[in-house]
Amino acid sequence: MISSESPLLSAIIDSFLALPGWEVLATVLGIAYVVLAARESIWCWPAAFVSTLIYTVLFWEGQLPMQALLNIYYMGMAVYGWTLWRKQAQQDDGVLISSRPAYFHLLFISSGIILSLLTALYLEKIMGSRLPYLDAFVMVFSVMNTILMARKVIENWLYWLVINSAAIALYWQTGYYVTIVMFGLYFFLAIFGYLNWKKLSRIQHAQTT
């Protein structure tokens, strides 16, 4: 248990107090995105769009162009996800919760590892990253897994468990304590998302049969 005198707890509290208003809003909307996605609500995508739009501006102004570009990608995925999920609401043949076979996940993981290694080598040699391999792993698999979430592949929540754990390790070693709290919450929300999508999937299957 963390005592009130803990340096870590003090660092987390100080970091929270130092957050600017726009960053607080982006964080709240980011959490709302995961909660709404776990409930299969289409409104998760507008929340994601506004959150990543704010982060894009913040990272650009903070001279973190790669993070800004990553959030521009997330903005595009928010539009993509909204389009797909809206199709389901309007048509009977829209995107339903689905699962993928083992060979798909083998290819997915293998591709992610290869891309992570190539990205890490670039970060290590060109960008001078502190933790290139862990940083690359979190970034590459987050990008790939967002597509699975948009396509309503149920295993995306299991991947988020691993990605969020890696992100917690990354931010722990780099001192982003507030972000650790947020990703810790994301971890438990991913468990909720997986269990809820399993239930919704059974309902959808019963309705289609």
Protein backbone atom coordinates (compact mmCIF):
# COMPACT_ATOMS: atom_id res chain seq x y z
CA MET A 1 0.00 0.00 0.00
CA ILE A 2 1.31 3.48 -0.90
CA SER A 3 1.50 5.73 2.16
CA SER A 4 0.65 9.42 2.13
CA GLU A 5 4.37 10.11 2.50
CA SER A 6 5.33 8.04 -0.53
CA PRO A 7 7.48 9.95 -3.07
CA LEU A 8 5.57 8.17 -5.86
CA LEU A 9 2.19 9.28 -4.51
CA SER A 10 3.48 12.82 -4.07
CA ALA A 11 4.80 12.81 -7.64
CA ILE A 12 1.43 11.60 -8.96
CA ILE A 13 -0.49 14.27 -7.02
CA ASP A 14 1.93 17.01 -8.10
CA SER A 15 1.65 15.87 -11.71
CA PHE A 16 -2.13 15.97 -11.57
CA LEU A 17 -2.10 19.47 -10.10
CA ALA A 18 0.31 20.64 -12.81
CA LEU A 19 -1.84 19.38 -15.70
CA PRO A 20 -3.20 22.14 -17.97
CA GLY A 21 -6.95 22.22 -18.62
CA TRP A 22 -6.71 20.96 -22.20
CA GLU A 23 -4.65 17.96 -21.13
CA VAL A 24 -7.17 17.12 -18.41
CA LEU A 25 -9.98 17.27 -20.99
CA ALA A 26 -8.03 15.06 -23.41
CA THR A 27 -7.39 12.52 -20.65
CA VAL A 28 -11.04 12.45 -19.56
CA LEU A 29 -12.19 11.99 -23.16
CA GLY A 30 -9.59 9.25 -23.65
CA ILE A 31 -11.01 7.35 -20.69
CA ALA A 32 -14.55 7.98 -21.96
CA TYR A 33 -13.50 6.49 -25.31
CA VAL A 34 -12.45 3.20 -23.72
CA VAL A 35 -15.54 3.00 -21.49
CA LEU A 36 -17.91 3.69 -24.41
CA ALA A 37 -16.04 1.26 -26.69
CA ALA A 38 -16.35 -1.45 -24.05
CA ARG A 39 -20.11 -0.83 -24.08
CA GLU A 40 -20.09 -0.95 -27.92
CA SER A 41 -21.32 2.64 -28.09
CA ILE A 42 -20.62 4.47 -31.35
CA TRP A 43 -20.04 7.64 -29.34
CA CYS A 44 -16.63 6.29 -28.34
CA TRP A 45 -15.30 7.53 -31.68
CA PRO A 46 -16.24 11.23 -31.29
CA ALA A 47 -14.67 11.11 -27.82
CA ALA A 48 -11.52 9.59 -29.33
CA PHE A 49 -11.45 12.15 -32.14
CA VAL A 50 -11.61 15.19 -29.83
CA SER A 51 -9.14 13.65 -27.36
CA THR A 52 -6.56 12.90 -30.05
CA LEU A 53 -7.13 16.29 -31.69
CA ILE A 54 -6.20 17.98 -28.41
CA TYR A 55 -3.19 15.70 -27.95
CA THR A 56 -2.07 16.44 -31.52
CA VAL A 57 -1.96 20.17 -30.77
CA LEU A 58 -0.32 19.65 -27.35
CA PHE A 59 2.39 17.35 -28.71
CA TRP A 60 3.06 19.62 -31.69
CA GLU A 61 3.42 22.65 -29.44
CA GLY A 62 5.59 20.56 -27.13
CA GLN A 63 7.92 19.76 -30.06
CA LEU A 64 7.06 16.06 -30.14
CA PRO A 65 6.27 15.67 -33.85
CA MET A 66 6.21 11.84 -33.86
CA GLN A 67 3.61 11.76 -31.10
CA ALA A 68 1.63 14.44 -32.94
CA LEU A 69 1.68 12.34 -36.11
CA LEU A 70 0.60 9.26 -34.15
CA ASN A 71 -2.40 11.15 -32.81
CA ILE A 72 -3.27 12.35 -36.32
CA TYR A 73 -3.41 8.66 -37.23
CA TYR A 74 -5.73 8.05 -34.27
CA MET A 75 -7.96 10.89 -35.50
CA GLY A 76 -8.24 9.15 -38.85
CA MET A 77 -9.04 5.84 -37.12
CA ALA A 78 -11.76 7.59 -35.12
CA VAL A 79 -13.41 8.62 -38.39
CA TYR A 80 -12.93 5.09 -39.76
CA GLY A 81 -14.41 3.50 -36.64
CA TRP A 82 -17.38 5.89 -36.64
CA THR A 83 -18.11 5.03 -40.30
CA LEU A 84 -17.98 1.27 -39.71
CA TRP A 85 -20.04 1.28 -36.53
CA ARG A 86 -22.59 3.68 -38.04
CA LYS A 87 -23.02 1.22 -40.92
CA GLN A 88 -23.95 -1.47 -38.40
CA ALA A 89 -26.57 0.81 -36.85
CA GLN A 90 -28.13 1.47 -40.27
CA GLN A 91 -27.82 -1.92 -41.97
CA ASP A 92 -28.28 -5.53 -41.03
CA ASP A 93 -24.95 -6.50 -42.64
CA GLY A 94 -22.86 -4.02 -40.68
CA VAL A 95 -19.81 -4.78 -38.57
CA LEU A 96 -20.56 -7.26 -35.77
CA ILE A 97 -18.32 -8.48 -32.99
CA SER A 98 -16.19 -11.30 -34.36
CA SER A 99 -13.21 -13.49 -33.56
CA ARG A 100 -10.15 -14.37 -35.63
CA PRO A 101 -8.47 -17.80 -36.03
CA ALA A 102 -5.08 -18.69 -34.58
CA TYR A 103 -3.19 -18.22 -37.87
CA PHE A 104 -4.42 -14.63 -38.09
CA HIS A 105 -3.06 -13.84 -34.63
CA LEU A 106 0.23 -15.58 -35.42
CA LEU A 107 0.62 -13.34 -38.47
CA PHE A 108 -0.54 -10.28 -36.52
CA ILE A 109 1.95 -10.83 -33.69
CA SER A 110 4.82 -11.72 -36.05
CA SER A 111 4.23 -8.61 -38.16
CA GLY A 112 4.00 -6.45 -35.05
CA ILE A 113 7.28 -7.78 -33.66
CA ILE A 114 9.11 -7.24 -36.95
CA LEU A 115 7.76 -3.70 -37.32
CA SER A 116 8.61 -3.00 -33.66
CA LEU A 117 12.20 -4.13 -34.14
CA LEU A 118 12.63 -2.03 -37.31
CA THR A 119 11.08 0.99 -35.61
CA ALA A 120 13.25 0.49 -32.53
CA LEU A 121 16.42 0.40 -34.64
CA TYR A 122 15.36 3.68 -36.25
CA LEU A 123 14.59 5.27 -32.89
CA GLU A 124 17.86 4.02 -31.44
CA LYS A 125 20.15 5.16 -34.25
CA ILE A 126 18.38 8.23 -35.63
CA MET A 127 16.19 9.62 -32.86
CA GLY A 128 18.29 8.68 -29.83
CA SER A 129 15.31 7.28 -27.92
CA ARG A 130 15.80 6.34 -24.25
CA LEU A 131 13.84 3.09 -24.45
CA PRO A 132 13.56 2.40 -28.18
CA TYR A 133 12.36 -1.20 -28.08
CA LEU A 134 9.68 -0.74 -25.45
CA ASP A 135 8.60 2.56 -27.01
CA ALA A 136 8.40 0.98 -30.47
CA PHE A 137 6.46 -2.04 -29.18
CA VAL A 138 3.80 0.13 -27.55
CA MET A 139 3.49 2.41 -30.57
CA VAL A 140 3.40 -0.29 -33.29
CA PHE A 141 0.95 -2.61 -31.56
CA SER A 142 -1.28 0.31 -30.52
CA VAL A 143 -1.51 1.39 -34.16
CA MET A 144 -2.23 -2.15 -35.37
CA ASN A 145 -4.65 -2.99 -32.59
CA THR A 146 -6.76 0.15 -33.11
CA ILE A 147 -7.73 -1.35 -36.49
CA LEU A 148 -8.89 -4.54 -34.76
CA MET A 149 -11.01 -2.49 -32.37
CA ALA A 150 -12.59 -0.57 -35.26
CA ARG A 151 -13.35 -3.88 -36.98
CA LYS A 152 -14.83 -5.21 -33.70
CA VAL A 153 -12.40 -8.11 -33.40
CA ILE A 154 -12.94 -9.24 -29.81
CA GLU A 155 -9.30 -10.23 -29.26
CA ASN A 156 -8.34 -6.55 -29.46
CA TRP A 157 -9.10 -6.30 -25.73
CA LEU A 158 -6.63 -9.10 -24.96
CA TYR A 159 -3.96 -7.28 -26.97
CA TRP A 160 -4.73 -4.09 -25.05
CA LEU A 161 -3.97 -5.94 -21.81
CA VAL A 162 -0.44 -6.62 -23.05
CA ILE A 163 0.01 -3.20 -24.67
CA ASN A 164 -1.20 -1.34 -21.59
CA SER A 165 1.12 -3.39 -19.36
CA ALA A 166 4.05 -2.50 -21.61
CA ALA A 167 2.96 1.15 -21.60
CA ILE A 168 2.88 1.17 -17.80
CA ALA A 169 6.45 -0.18 -17.75
CA LEU A 170 7.51 2.44 -20.30
CA TYR A 171 6.01 5.38 -18.43
CA TRP A 172 7.26 4.09 -15.08
CA GLN A 173 10.83 4.16 -16.36
CA THR A 174 10.38 7.61 -17.92
CA GLY A 175 8.60 9.21 -14.95
CA TYR A 176 5.15 9.85 -16.43
CA TYR A 177 3.29 8.91 -13.27
CA VAL A 178 -0.09 10.39 -14.19
CA THR A 179 -0.01 8.43 -17.44
CA ILE A 180 0.69 5.27 -15.40
CA VAL A 181 -2.54 5.85 -13.49
CA MET A 182 -4.45 6.34 -16.73
CA PHE A 183 -3.04 3.19 -18.35
CA GLY A 184 -3.65 1.25 -15.15
CA LEU A 185 -7.31 2.22 -15.52
CA TYR A 186 -7.16 1.26 -19.20
CA PHE A 187 -5.90 -2.19 -18.15
CA PHE A 188 -8.97 -2.93 -16.04
CA LEU A 189 -11.28 -1.37 -18.63
CA ALA A 190 -9.84 -3.78 -21.20
CA ILE A 191 -10.91 -6.69 -18.98
CA PHE A 192 -14.39 -5.19 -18.74
CA GLY A 193 -14.43 -4.58 -22.50
CA TYR A 194 -13.53 -8.18 -23.30
CA LEU A 195 -16.14 -9.66 -20.95
CA ASN A 196 -18.84 -7.26 -22.15
CA TRP A 197 -18.10 -7.92 -25.83
CA LYS A 198 -18.27 -11.68 -25.14
CA LYS A 199 -21.77 -11.17 -23.74
CA LEU A 200 -22.81 -8.89 -26.60
CA SER A 201 -21.38 -11.35 -29.12
CA ARG A 202 -23.55 -14.16 -27.75
CA ILE A 203 -26.62 -11.89 -27.99
CA GLN A 204 -25.78 -10.93 -31.60
CA HIS A 205 -25.20 -14.56 -32.53
CA ALA A 206 -28.55 -15.55 -31.06
CA GLN A 207 -30.29 -12.78 -32.98
CA THR A 208 -28.70 -13.72 -36.32
CA THR A 209 -29.56 -17.40 -35.92
